[in-house]
Amino acid sequence: MKQNKIIISCCWALLASCYGSLLLALESDPDQPITIDSNTATYDDDSATSTYTGNVISVQGSIKVNSDKLVVYFVDGYAEKLVFTGNKAKFKQTPNPGAEDITGEALTGEYYPKKNLLILIDDATVWQGSATYSSNLIEYDSKRSIVKAGEKSSDAKRVHVLLKPKQKTENKTGYKKNGNTSSKTPDQNLQ
């Protein structure tokens, strides 16, 4: 059992190192303002929170989140934490100019702008290119390019990673070329 944990940990470290460089956020994202559009908005001065409901779209640089509800927690006038929920809340981010977008979804998400940390909770999935990560807990640290999935406290909560090879397809001339033929687009609802 202990040997299996070591092997799983080594495999996860290898996957993280292979794809970690792909998960780097645009350097300008943290310096951009956060804009929020929604059907309703409420600010509570006593609790220093803003609550947005109904087709909430929040954007910071290349990061875009669609959710049913968003609660922003302020500390000293700055957005410290954003909690988004939905049937599923969805996010998209451009890691580097010209790179494939990172997309994901979860029932709950917490975003810490100062730390560049996104935590996806409950039925979470993250996609980039041919890689898919699924777990009940996924942490994405864009500043250090680290993705962590699963909970250390429980062996019962598993992480599922799918790495698809590129498929060979025929072009109009009959020659085979490499390309991903998957028709699934995880960010189809993010327009």
N, C-alpha and C. Protein backbone atom coordinates (compact mmCIF):
# COMPACT_ATOMS: atom_id res chain seq x y z
N MET A 1 0.83 -1.20 0.00
CA MET A 1 0.00 0.00 0.00
C MET A 1 0.87 1.25 0.00
N LYS A 2 1.92 1.24 0.87
CA LYS A 2 2.80 2.40 0.94
C LYS A 2 3.55 2.59 -0.38
N GLN A 3 3.96 1.48 -1.00
CA GLN A 3 4.67 1.55 -2.27
C GLN A 3 3.76 2.13 -3.36
N ASN A 4 2.47 1.77 -3.34
CA ASN A 4 1.52 2.32 -4.31
C ASN A 4 1.41 3.84 -4.17
N LYS A 5 1.39 4.33 -2.91
CA LYS A 5 1.31 5.76 -2.68
C LYS A 5 2.54 6.47 -3.24
N ILE A 6 3.70 5.86 -3.07
CA ILE A 6 4.94 6.46 -3.57
C ILE A 6 4.91 6.51 -5.09
N ILE A 7 4.46 5.42 -5.73
CA ILE A 7 4.38 5.37 -7.19
C ILE A 7 3.39 6.41 -7.70
N ILE A 8 2.23 6.51 -7.07
CA ILE A 8 1.22 7.49 -7.47
C ILE A 8 1.77 8.91 -7.30
N SER A 9 2.47 9.16 -6.18
CA SER A 9 3.04 10.48 -5.95
C SER A 9 4.08 10.83 -7.01
N CYS A 10 4.92 9.86 -7.37
CA CYS A 10 5.94 10.10 -8.40
C CYS A 10 5.28 10.37 -9.76
N CYS A 11 4.24 9.61 -10.10
CA CYS A 11 3.53 9.82 -11.37
C CYS A 11 2.91 11.22 -11.39
N TRP A 12 2.30 11.62 -10.29
CA TRP A 12 1.68 12.94 -10.22
C TRP A 12 2.73 14.03 -10.37
N ALA A 13 3.88 13.86 -9.70
CA ALA A 13 4.95 14.85 -9.81
C ALA A 13 5.44 14.96 -11.25
N LEU A 14 5.56 13.81 -11.93
CA LEU A 14 6.00 13.80 -13.32
C LEU A 14 4.99 14.53 -14.21
N LEU A 15 3.70 14.23 -14.01
CA LEU A 15 2.66 14.90 -14.80
C LEU A 15 2.66 16.41 -14.54
N ALA A 16 2.79 16.78 -13.28
CA ALA A 16 2.79 18.20 -12.94
C ALA A 16 3.98 18.91 -13.57
N SER A 17 5.14 18.25 -13.58
CA SER A 17 6.30 18.90 -14.18
C SER A 17 6.16 18.99 -15.69
N CYS A 18 5.57 17.98 -16.32
CA CYS A 18 5.38 18.01 -17.78
C CYS A 18 4.39 19.08 -18.20
N TYR A 19 3.32 19.22 -17.47
CA TYR A 19 2.28 20.15 -17.86
C TYR A 19 2.34 21.46 -17.09
N GLY A 20 3.18 21.53 -16.06
CA GLY A 20 3.29 22.75 -15.26
C GLY A 20 3.65 23.95 -16.09
N SER A 21 4.58 23.79 -17.02
CA SER A 21 4.98 24.92 -17.84
C SER A 21 3.85 25.37 -18.75
N LEU A 22 2.92 24.47 -19.07
CA LEU A 22 1.78 24.84 -19.92
C LEU A 22 0.74 25.63 -19.14
N LEU A 23 0.79 25.57 -17.81
CA LEU A 23 -0.25 26.16 -17.00
C LEU A 23 0.12 27.54 -16.45
N LEU A 24 1.13 28.16 -17.00
CA LEU A 24 1.56 29.47 -16.56
C LEU A 24 0.59 30.53 -17.05
N ALA A 25 0.15 31.37 -16.14
CA ALA A 25 -0.81 32.41 -16.51
C ALA A 25 -0.11 33.56 -17.22
N LEU A 26 -0.87 34.34 -17.95
CA LEU A 26 -0.30 35.55 -18.53
C LEU A 26 0.22 36.42 -17.37
N GLU A 27 1.43 36.93 -17.52
CA GLU A 27 2.04 37.69 -16.44
C GLU A 27 1.25 38.93 -16.07
N SER A 28 0.50 39.48 -17.01
CA SER A 28 -0.24 40.70 -16.75
C SER A 28 -1.58 40.47 -16.05
N ASP A 29 -2.06 39.23 -15.95
CA ASP A 29 -3.37 38.96 -15.36
C ASP A 29 -3.54 39.55 -13.95
N PRO A 30 -2.60 39.32 -13.01
CA PRO A 30 -2.82 39.84 -11.66
C PRO A 30 -2.86 41.37 -11.58
N ASP A 31 -2.29 42.05 -12.55
CA ASP A 31 -2.26 43.51 -12.54
C ASP A 31 -3.51 44.14 -13.15
N GLN A 32 -4.37 43.32 -13.73
CA GLN A 32 -5.57 43.82 -14.39
C GLN A 32 -6.71 43.99 -13.39
N PRO A 33 -7.62 44.92 -13.64
CA PRO A 33 -8.79 45.05 -12.76
C PRO A 33 -9.74 43.87 -12.97
N ILE A 34 -10.57 43.62 -11.98
CA ILE A 34 -11.60 42.57 -12.08
C ILE A 34 -12.91 43.27 -12.46
N THR A 35 -13.52 42.84 -13.56
CA THR A 35 -14.82 43.39 -13.94
C THR A 35 -15.87 42.30 -13.74
N ILE A 36 -17.05 42.71 -13.28
CA ILE A 36 -18.13 41.77 -12.99
C ILE A 36 -19.41 42.29 -13.61
N ASP A 37 -20.09 41.41 -14.35
CA ASP A 37 -21.42 41.70 -14.89
C ASP A 37 -22.37 40.66 -14.34
N SER A 38 -23.57 41.09 -13.93
CA SER A 38 -24.56 40.15 -13.37
C SER A 38 -25.96 40.76 -13.48
N ASN A 39 -26.96 39.94 -13.16
CA ASN A 39 -28.34 40.44 -13.15
C ASN A 39 -28.61 41.29 -11.92
N THR A 40 -28.03 40.92 -10.76
CA THR A 40 -28.21 41.70 -9.53
C THR A 40 -26.88 41.84 -8.81
N ALA A 41 -26.77 42.90 -8.01
CA ALA A 41 -25.57 43.13 -7.21
C ALA A 41 -25.97 43.75 -5.88
N THR A 42 -25.35 43.28 -4.80
CA THR A 42 -25.62 43.80 -3.46
C THR A 42 -24.30 43.97 -2.73
N TYR A 43 -24.12 45.11 -2.04
CA TYR A 43 -22.93 45.31 -1.22
C TYR A 43 -23.35 45.45 0.22
N ASP A 44 -22.69 44.69 1.11
CA ASP A 44 -22.96 44.74 2.55
C ASP A 44 -21.74 45.34 3.23
N ASP A 45 -21.88 46.59 3.70
CA ASP A 45 -20.75 47.30 4.31
C ASP A 45 -20.30 46.66 5.61
N ASP A 46 -21.24 46.12 6.41
CA ASP A 46 -20.89 45.50 7.69
C ASP A 46 -20.00 44.28 7.50
N SER A 47 -20.30 43.44 6.53
CA SER A 47 -19.51 42.22 6.31
C SER A 47 -18.44 42.42 5.24
N ALA A 48 -18.40 43.58 4.62
CA ALA A 48 -17.44 43.90 3.54
C ALA A 48 -17.49 42.85 2.43
N THR A 49 -18.73 42.56 1.97
CA THR A 49 -18.91 41.59 0.89
C THR A 49 -19.82 42.18 -0.19
N SER A 50 -19.58 41.73 -1.41
CA SER A 50 -20.47 42.02 -2.53
C SER A 50 -21.01 40.70 -3.02
N THR A 51 -22.30 40.65 -3.32
CA THR A 51 -22.91 39.42 -3.83
C THR A 51 -23.54 39.73 -5.19
N TYR A 52 -23.21 38.90 -6.16
CA TYR A 52 -23.71 39.05 -7.53
C TYR A 52 -24.44 37.76 -7.90
N THR A 53 -25.60 37.89 -8.50
CA THR A 53 -26.37 36.70 -8.90
C THR A 53 -26.90 36.85 -10.31
N GLY A 54 -27.17 35.71 -10.94
CA GLY A 54 -27.79 35.68 -12.26
C GLY A 54 -26.82 35.91 -13.39
N ASN A 55 -26.42 34.85 -14.07
CA ASN A 55 -25.54 34.92 -15.23
C ASN A 55 -24.32 35.82 -14.96
N VAL A 56 -23.59 35.50 -13.90
CA VAL A 56 -22.44 36.30 -13.48
C VAL A 56 -21.25 36.01 -14.38
N ILE A 57 -20.64 37.07 -14.90
CA ILE A 57 -19.44 36.95 -15.72
C ILE A 57 -18.38 37.85 -15.09
N SER A 58 -17.30 37.23 -14.62
CA SER A 58 -16.21 38.02 -14.04
C SER A 58 -14.96 37.80 -14.88
N VAL A 59 -14.21 38.89 -15.09
CA VAL A 59 -13.03 38.85 -15.96
C VAL A 59 -11.89 39.59 -15.28
N GLN A 60 -10.71 38.97 -15.31
CA GLN A 60 -9.47 39.64 -14.89
C GLN A 60 -8.40 39.25 -15.90
N GLY A 61 -8.04 40.17 -16.76
CA GLY A 61 -7.06 39.86 -17.81
C GLY A 61 -7.59 38.75 -18.70
N SER A 62 -6.86 37.64 -18.78
CA SER A 62 -7.29 36.53 -19.63
C SER A 62 -8.16 35.52 -18.89
N ILE A 63 -8.41 35.77 -17.59
CA ILE A 63 -9.21 34.85 -16.78
C ILE A 63 -10.68 35.25 -16.89
N LYS A 64 -11.53 34.30 -17.26
CA LYS A 64 -12.97 34.57 -17.36
C LYS A 64 -13.71 33.47 -16.60
N VAL A 65 -14.65 33.88 -15.73
CA VAL A 65 -15.45 32.92 -14.95
C VAL A 65 -16.92 33.21 -15.18
N ASN A 66 -17.67 32.17 -15.52
CA ASN A 66 -19.13 32.24 -15.63
C ASN A 66 -19.70 31.45 -14.47
N SER A 67 -20.64 32.05 -13.73
CA SER A 67 -21.23 31.37 -12.59
C SER A 67 -22.65 31.87 -12.36
N ASP A 68 -23.37 31.15 -11.50
CA ASP A 68 -24.71 31.57 -11.13
C ASP A 68 -24.66 32.63 -10.03
N LYS A 69 -23.64 32.50 -9.15
CA LYS A 69 -23.52 33.43 -8.01
C LYS A 69 -22.04 33.68 -7.73
N LEU A 70 -21.72 34.90 -7.33
CA LEU A 70 -20.35 35.26 -6.96
C LEU A 70 -20.41 36.13 -5.71
N VAL A 71 -19.60 35.77 -4.71
CA VAL A 71 -19.48 36.58 -3.50
C VAL A 71 -18.03 37.04 -3.41
N VAL A 72 -17.83 38.37 -3.29
CA VAL A 72 -16.49 38.93 -3.18
C VAL A 72 -16.30 39.41 -1.74
N TYR A 73 -15.20 38.96 -1.12
CA TYR A 73 -14.86 39.33 0.25
C TYR A 73 -13.73 40.35 0.20
N PHE A 74 -13.94 41.51 0.83
CA PHE A 74 -12.97 42.59 0.81
C PHE A 74 -12.22 42.69 2.13
N VAL A 75 -10.93 43.02 2.06
CA VAL A 75 -10.10 43.31 3.23
C VAL A 75 -9.39 44.62 2.93
N ASP A 76 -9.61 45.61 3.76
CA ASP A 76 -9.01 46.94 3.56
C ASP A 76 -9.31 47.50 2.17
N GLY A 77 -10.49 47.25 1.65
CA GLY A 77 -10.90 47.78 0.37
C GLY A 77 -10.46 47.01 -0.85
N TYR A 78 -9.70 45.93 -0.66
CA TYR A 78 -9.22 45.12 -1.78
C TYR A 78 -9.94 43.78 -1.82
N ALA A 79 -10.20 43.29 -3.02
CA ALA A 79 -10.83 41.98 -3.17
C ALA A 79 -9.85 40.91 -2.72
N GLU A 80 -10.13 40.28 -1.60
CA GLU A 80 -9.25 39.27 -1.02
C GLU A 80 -9.59 37.87 -1.53
N LYS A 81 -10.90 37.61 -1.66
CA LYS A 81 -11.35 36.27 -2.05
C LYS A 81 -12.64 36.39 -2.82
N LEU A 82 -12.76 35.61 -3.91
CA LEU A 82 -13.98 35.54 -4.69
C LEU A 82 -14.46 34.09 -4.65
N VAL A 83 -15.71 33.88 -4.28
CA VAL A 83 -16.28 32.54 -4.23
C VAL A 83 -17.40 32.47 -5.26
N PHE A 84 -17.22 31.61 -6.26
CA PHE A 84 -18.24 31.47 -7.29
C PHE A 84 -18.86 30.09 -7.21
N THR A 85 -20.17 30.04 -7.46
CA THR A 85 -20.92 28.78 -7.41
C THR A 85 -21.84 28.73 -8.61
N GLY A 86 -22.25 27.53 -8.95
CA GLY A 86 -23.16 27.39 -10.07
C GLY A 86 -23.39 25.94 -10.40
N ASN A 87 -24.22 25.76 -11.37
CA ASN A 87 -24.52 24.41 -11.82
C ASN A 87 -23.74 24.18 -13.09
N LYS A 88 -22.70 24.06 -13.17
CA LYS A 88 -21.34 24.23 -12.77
C LYS A 88 -20.82 25.61 -13.16
N ALA A 89 -20.01 26.17 -12.25
CA ALA A 89 -19.29 27.39 -12.57
C ALA A 89 -18.14 27.01 -13.50
N LYS A 90 -17.87 27.84 -14.50
CA LYS A 90 -16.86 27.51 -15.52
C LYS A 90 -15.82 28.63 -15.60
N PHE A 91 -14.57 28.23 -15.84
CA PHE A 91 -13.54 29.25 -16.04
C PHE A 91 -12.72 28.94 -17.27
N LYS A 92 -12.07 29.99 -17.78
CA LYS A 92 -11.18 29.86 -18.93
C LYS A 92 -10.05 30.85 -18.71
N GLN A 93 -8.83 30.43 -19.07
CA GLN A 93 -7.68 31.32 -18.96
C GLN A 93 -6.71 31.04 -20.09
N THR A 94 -6.11 32.09 -20.63
CA THR A 94 -5.07 31.95 -21.64
C THR A 94 -3.73 31.94 -20.91
N PRO A 95 -2.99 30.82 -20.95
CA PRO A 95 -1.75 30.74 -20.19
C PRO A 95 -0.62 31.57 -20.78
N ASN A 96 -0.48 31.57 -22.06
CA ASN A 96 0.55 32.32 -22.79
C ASN A 96 -0.03 32.74 -24.12
N PRO A 97 0.45 33.84 -24.70
CA PRO A 97 -0.05 34.23 -26.02
C PRO A 97 0.14 33.09 -27.02
N GLY A 98 -0.93 32.71 -27.70
CA GLY A 98 -0.88 31.65 -28.70
C GLY A 98 -1.03 30.24 -28.15
N ALA A 99 -1.00 30.07 -26.84
CA ALA A 99 -1.14 28.74 -26.24
C ALA A 99 -2.62 28.37 -26.12
N GLU A 100 -2.87 27.05 -26.00
CA GLU A 100 -4.24 26.58 -25.80
C GLU A 100 -4.74 27.06 -24.45
N ASP A 101 -6.02 27.45 -24.41
CA ASP A 101 -6.63 27.91 -23.16
C ASP A 101 -6.73 26.77 -22.16
N ILE A 102 -6.69 27.14 -20.89
CA ILE A 102 -6.99 26.22 -19.80
C ILE A 102 -8.45 26.46 -19.46
N THR A 103 -9.25 25.41 -19.38
CA THR A 103 -10.65 25.56 -19.03
C THR A 103 -10.95 24.63 -17.87
N GLY A 104 -11.99 24.94 -17.14
CA GLY A 104 -12.35 24.09 -16.01
C GLY A 104 -13.75 24.40 -15.54
N GLU A 105 -14.21 23.52 -14.65
CA GLU A 105 -15.54 23.70 -14.08
C GLU A 105 -15.60 23.01 -12.74
N ALA A 106 -16.50 23.49 -11.89
CA ALA A 106 -16.72 22.91 -10.57
C ALA A 106 -18.02 23.47 -10.02
N LEU A 107 -18.54 22.84 -9.00
CA LEU A 107 -19.74 23.36 -8.36
C LEU A 107 -19.42 24.60 -7.53
N THR A 108 -18.19 24.65 -6.97
CA THR A 108 -17.74 25.79 -6.17
C THR A 108 -16.30 26.11 -6.54
N GLY A 109 -15.99 27.38 -6.58
CA GLY A 109 -14.62 27.81 -6.82
C GLY A 109 -14.27 28.96 -5.92
N GLU A 110 -13.01 28.99 -5.47
CA GLU A 110 -12.50 30.10 -4.68
C GLU A 110 -11.29 30.66 -5.41
N TYR A 111 -11.29 31.98 -5.63
CA TYR A 111 -10.18 32.62 -6.31
C TYR A 111 -9.59 33.67 -5.38
N TYR A 112 -8.26 33.59 -5.18
CA TYR A 112 -7.53 34.52 -4.34
C TYR A 112 -6.62 35.35 -5.25
N PRO A 113 -7.06 36.55 -5.67
CA PRO A 113 -6.32 37.33 -6.66
C PRO A 113 -4.89 37.67 -6.26
N LYS A 114 -4.65 38.01 -4.99
CA LYS A 114 -3.30 38.39 -4.55
C LYS A 114 -2.33 37.21 -4.60
N LYS A 115 -2.85 36.00 -4.43
CA LYS A 115 -2.02 34.80 -4.42
C LYS A 115 -1.99 34.08 -5.77
N ASN A 116 -2.78 34.55 -6.73
CA ASN A 116 -2.93 33.85 -8.02
C ASN A 116 -3.34 32.40 -7.82
N LEU A 117 -4.23 32.16 -6.89
CA LEU A 117 -4.63 30.81 -6.51
C LEU A 117 -6.11 30.61 -6.80
N LEU A 118 -6.41 29.55 -7.56
CA LEU A 118 -7.78 29.15 -7.85
C LEU A 118 -7.99 27.77 -7.27
N ILE A 119 -9.03 27.61 -6.45
CA ILE A 119 -9.35 26.32 -5.85
C ILE A 119 -10.72 25.90 -6.36
N LEU A 120 -10.78 24.74 -7.02
CA LEU A 120 -12.03 24.20 -7.53
C LEU A 120 -12.47 23.08 -6.60
N ILE A 121 -13.73 23.13 -6.16
CA ILE A 121 -14.23 22.22 -5.14
C ILE A 121 -15.51 21.55 -5.65
N ASP A 122 -15.64 20.28 -5.41
CA ASP A 122 -16.83 19.48 -5.73
C ASP A 122 -16.99 19.28 -7.24
N ASP A 123 -16.75 18.06 -7.67
CA ASP A 123 -16.94 17.67 -9.07
C ASP A 123 -16.15 18.57 -10.01
N ALA A 124 -14.86 18.74 -9.71
CA ALA A 124 -14.01 19.67 -10.46
C ALA A 124 -13.29 18.95 -11.60
N THR A 125 -13.15 19.66 -12.72
CA THR A 125 -12.41 19.16 -13.88
C THR A 125 -11.66 20.32 -14.50
N VAL A 126 -10.41 20.07 -14.92
CA VAL A 126 -9.60 21.06 -15.62
C VAL A 126 -9.08 20.42 -16.89
N TRP A 127 -9.16 21.15 -18.03
CA TRP A 127 -8.68 20.68 -19.32
C TRP A 127 -7.62 21.63 -19.85
N GLN A 128 -6.62 21.06 -20.51
CA GLN A 128 -5.74 21.84 -21.36
C GLN A 128 -5.20 20.90 -22.42
N GLY A 129 -5.46 21.25 -23.67
CA GLY A 129 -5.02 20.39 -24.76
C GLY A 129 -5.59 19.00 -24.61
N SER A 130 -4.73 18.00 -24.59
CA SER A 130 -5.19 16.62 -24.48
C SER A 130 -5.18 16.11 -23.05
N ALA A 131 -4.90 16.97 -22.07
CA ALA A 131 -4.85 16.55 -20.67
C ALA A 131 -6.13 16.95 -19.94
N THR A 132 -6.65 16.04 -19.12
CA THR A 132 -7.83 16.29 -18.31
C THR A 132 -7.54 15.85 -16.88
N TYR A 133 -7.82 16.72 -15.92
CA TYR A 133 -7.67 16.41 -14.50
C TYR A 133 -9.05 16.49 -13.86
N SER A 134 -9.44 15.45 -13.10
CA SER A 134 -10.74 15.46 -12.43
C SER A 134 -10.55 15.03 -10.98
N SER A 135 -11.20 15.73 -10.07
CA SER A 135 -11.13 15.41 -8.65
C SER A 135 -12.19 16.24 -7.93
N ASN A 136 -12.38 15.98 -6.65
CA ASN A 136 -13.28 16.81 -5.86
C ASN A 136 -12.58 18.07 -5.38
N LEU A 137 -11.24 18.11 -5.48
CA LEU A 137 -10.48 19.28 -5.07
C LEU A 137 -9.30 19.46 -6.01
N ILE A 138 -9.24 20.60 -6.69
CA ILE A 138 -8.11 20.93 -7.56
C ILE A 138 -7.66 22.34 -7.21
N GLU A 139 -6.36 22.49 -6.92
CA GLU A 139 -5.77 23.80 -6.66
C GLU A 139 -4.87 24.15 -7.84
N TYR A 140 -5.01 25.37 -8.33
CA TYR A 140 -4.21 25.84 -9.46
C TYR A 140 -3.49 27.12 -9.05
N ASP A 141 -2.19 27.04 -8.87
CA ASP A 141 -1.35 28.19 -8.52
C ASP A 141 -0.69 28.66 -9.81
N SER A 142 -1.25 29.70 -10.42
CA SER A 142 -0.74 30.15 -11.71
C SER A 142 0.59 30.87 -11.59
N LYS A 143 0.89 31.42 -10.44
CA LYS A 143 2.15 32.14 -10.27
C LYS A 143 3.33 31.16 -10.28
N ARG A 144 3.17 30.01 -9.64
CA ARG A 144 4.25 29.02 -9.57
C ARG A 144 4.04 27.87 -10.54
N SER A 145 2.99 27.91 -11.33
CA SER A 145 2.69 26.87 -12.33
C SER A 145 2.53 25.49 -11.71
N ILE A 146 1.71 25.41 -10.67
CA ILE A 146 1.51 24.14 -9.98
C ILE A 146 0.03 23.81 -9.93
N VAL A 147 -0.31 22.59 -10.32
CA VAL A 147 -1.67 22.07 -10.18
C VAL A 147 -1.61 20.94 -9.16
N LYS A 148 -2.48 21.01 -8.16
CA LYS A 148 -2.58 19.94 -7.17
C LYS A 148 -4.01 19.44 -7.19
N ALA A 149 -4.16 18.13 -7.21
CA ALA A 149 -5.50 17.55 -7.21
C ALA A 149 -5.59 16.50 -6.12
N GLY A 150 -6.77 16.35 -5.53
CA GLY A 150 -6.99 15.35 -4.49
C GLY A 150 -6.73 15.91 -3.11
N GLU A 151 -7.03 15.07 -2.14
CA GLU A 151 -6.84 15.45 -0.74
C GLU A 151 -5.87 14.48 -0.10
N LYS A 152 -4.84 15.01 0.57
CA LYS A 152 -3.85 14.18 1.23
C LYS A 152 -4.44 13.39 2.39
N SER A 153 -5.52 13.89 2.98
CA SER A 153 -6.08 13.28 4.18
C SER A 153 -6.89 12.02 3.91
N SER A 154 -7.18 11.71 2.64
CA SER A 154 -8.05 10.57 2.36
C SER A 154 -7.61 9.83 1.11
N ASP A 155 -7.43 8.52 1.25
CA ASP A 155 -7.14 7.68 0.08
C ASP A 155 -8.41 7.38 -0.70
N ALA A 156 -9.57 7.59 -0.07
CA ALA A 156 -10.84 7.24 -0.71
C ALA A 156 -11.22 8.24 -1.81
N LYS A 157 -10.69 9.44 -1.75
CA LYS A 157 -10.99 10.46 -2.75
C LYS A 157 -9.89 10.42 -3.80
N ARG A 158 -10.21 9.94 -4.96
CA ARG A 158 -9.24 9.68 -6.01
C ARG A 158 -9.13 10.83 -7.00
N VAL A 159 -8.00 10.88 -7.69
CA VAL A 159 -7.75 11.83 -8.76
C VAL A 159 -7.75 11.04 -10.06
N HIS A 160 -8.38 11.59 -11.08
CA HIS A 160 -8.42 10.94 -12.39
C HIS A 160 -7.73 11.86 -13.40
N VAL A 161 -6.69 11.35 -14.06
CA VAL A 161 -5.96 12.12 -15.07
C VAL A 161 -6.05 11.36 -16.38
N LEU A 162 -6.37 12.06 -17.45
CA LEU A 162 -6.45 11.47 -18.78
C LEU A 162 -5.55 12.25 -19.71
N LEU A 163 -4.57 11.57 -20.29
CA LEU A 163 -3.66 12.19 -21.26
C LEU A 163 -3.89 11.51 -22.59
N LYS A 164 -4.48 12.23 -23.54
CA LYS A 164 -4.81 11.64 -24.84
C LYS A 164 -3.68 11.88 -25.84
N PRO A 165 -3.31 10.85 -26.59
CA PRO A 165 -2.32 11.07 -27.65
C PRO A 165 -2.99 11.80 -28.81
N LYS A 166 -2.18 12.47 -29.61
CA LYS A 166 -2.73 13.12 -30.79
C LYS A 166 -3.14 12.05 -31.79
N GLN A 167 -4.29 12.26 -32.39
CA GLN A 167 -4.83 11.31 -33.36
C GLN A 167 -4.37 11.68 -34.76
N LYS A 168 -4.12 10.68 -35.59
CA LYS A 168 -3.78 10.93 -36.98
C LYS A 168 -5.07 11.02 -37.78
N THR A 169 -5.15 12.04 -38.62
CA THR A 169 -6.34 12.24 -39.45
C THR A 169 -5.89 12.44 -40.89
N GLU A 170 -6.80 12.22 -41.79
CA GLU A 170 -6.49 12.44 -43.21
C GLU A 170 -6.98 13.81 -43.62
N ASN A 171 -6.15 14.55 -44.33
CA ASN A 171 -6.60 15.83 -44.87
C ASN A 171 -7.20 15.60 -46.25
N LYS A 172 -7.59 16.66 -46.93
CA LYS A 172 -8.28 16.54 -48.22
C LYS A 172 -7.44 15.86 -49.28
N THR A 173 -6.12 15.91 -49.14
CA THR A 173 -5.26 15.30 -50.16
C THR A 173 -5.06 13.81 -49.91
N GLY A 174 -5.57 13.29 -48.81
CA GLY A 174 -5.43 11.86 -48.50
C GLY A 174 -4.22 11.56 -47.64
N TYR A 175 -3.39 12.57 -47.34
CA TYR A 175 -2.23 12.37 -46.49
C TYR A 175 -2.66 12.45 -45.03
N LYS A 176 -1.99 11.66 -44.18
CA LYS A 176 -2.29 11.70 -42.75
C LYS A 176 -1.50 12.82 -42.10
N LYS A 177 -2.15 13.46 -41.14
CA LYS A 177 -1.47 14.49 -40.38
C LYS A 177 -1.87 14.32 -38.93
N ASN A 178 -1.07 14.88 -38.01
CA ASN A 178 -1.38 14.80 -36.59
C ASN A 178 -2.36 15.90 -36.24
N GLY A 179 -3.26 15.57 -35.33
CA GLY A 179 -4.23 16.56 -34.85
C GLY A 179 -5.17 15.91 -33.90
N ASN A 180 -5.78 16.69 -33.06
CA ASN A 180 -6.74 16.19 -32.08
C ASN A 180 -8.11 16.18 -32.74
N THR A 181 -8.74 15.02 -32.81
CA THR A 181 -10.04 14.90 -33.48
C THR A 181 -11.20 14.93 -32.51
N SER A 182 -10.92 15.24 -31.26
CA SER A 182 -11.99 15.26 -30.26
C SER A 182 -13.01 16.34 -30.60
N SER A 183 -14.27 15.98 -30.58
CA SER A 183 -15.32 16.95 -30.86
C SER A 183 -15.78 17.66 -29.59
N LYS A 184 -15.30 17.21 -28.43
CA LYS A 184 -15.71 17.82 -27.17
C LYS A 184 -14.94 19.12 -26.95
N THR A 185 -15.67 20.19 -26.70
CA THR A 185 -15.05 21.45 -26.38
C THR A 185 -15.51 21.86 -24.97
N PRO A 186 -14.62 21.73 -23.97
CA PRO A 186 -15.02 21.97 -22.60
C PRO A 186 -15.43 23.41 -22.33
N ASP A 187 -15.01 24.35 -23.15
CA ASP A 187 -15.34 25.74 -22.87
C ASP A 187 -16.40 26.28 -23.83
N GLN A 188 -17.26 25.43 -24.36
CA GLN A 188 -18.25 25.88 -25.32
C GLN A 188 -19.22 26.89 -24.74
N ASN A 189 -19.42 26.90 -23.42
CA ASN A 189 -20.35 27.85 -22.81
C ASN A 189 -19.68 29.17 -22.46
N LEU A 190 -18.37 29.28 -22.67
CA LEU A 190 -17.67 30.52 -22.36
C LEU A 190 -17.48 31.32 -23.64
N GLN A 191 -18.30 32.23 -23.90
CA GLN A 191 -18.23 33.04 -25.11
C GLN A 191 -17.86 34.46 -24.76
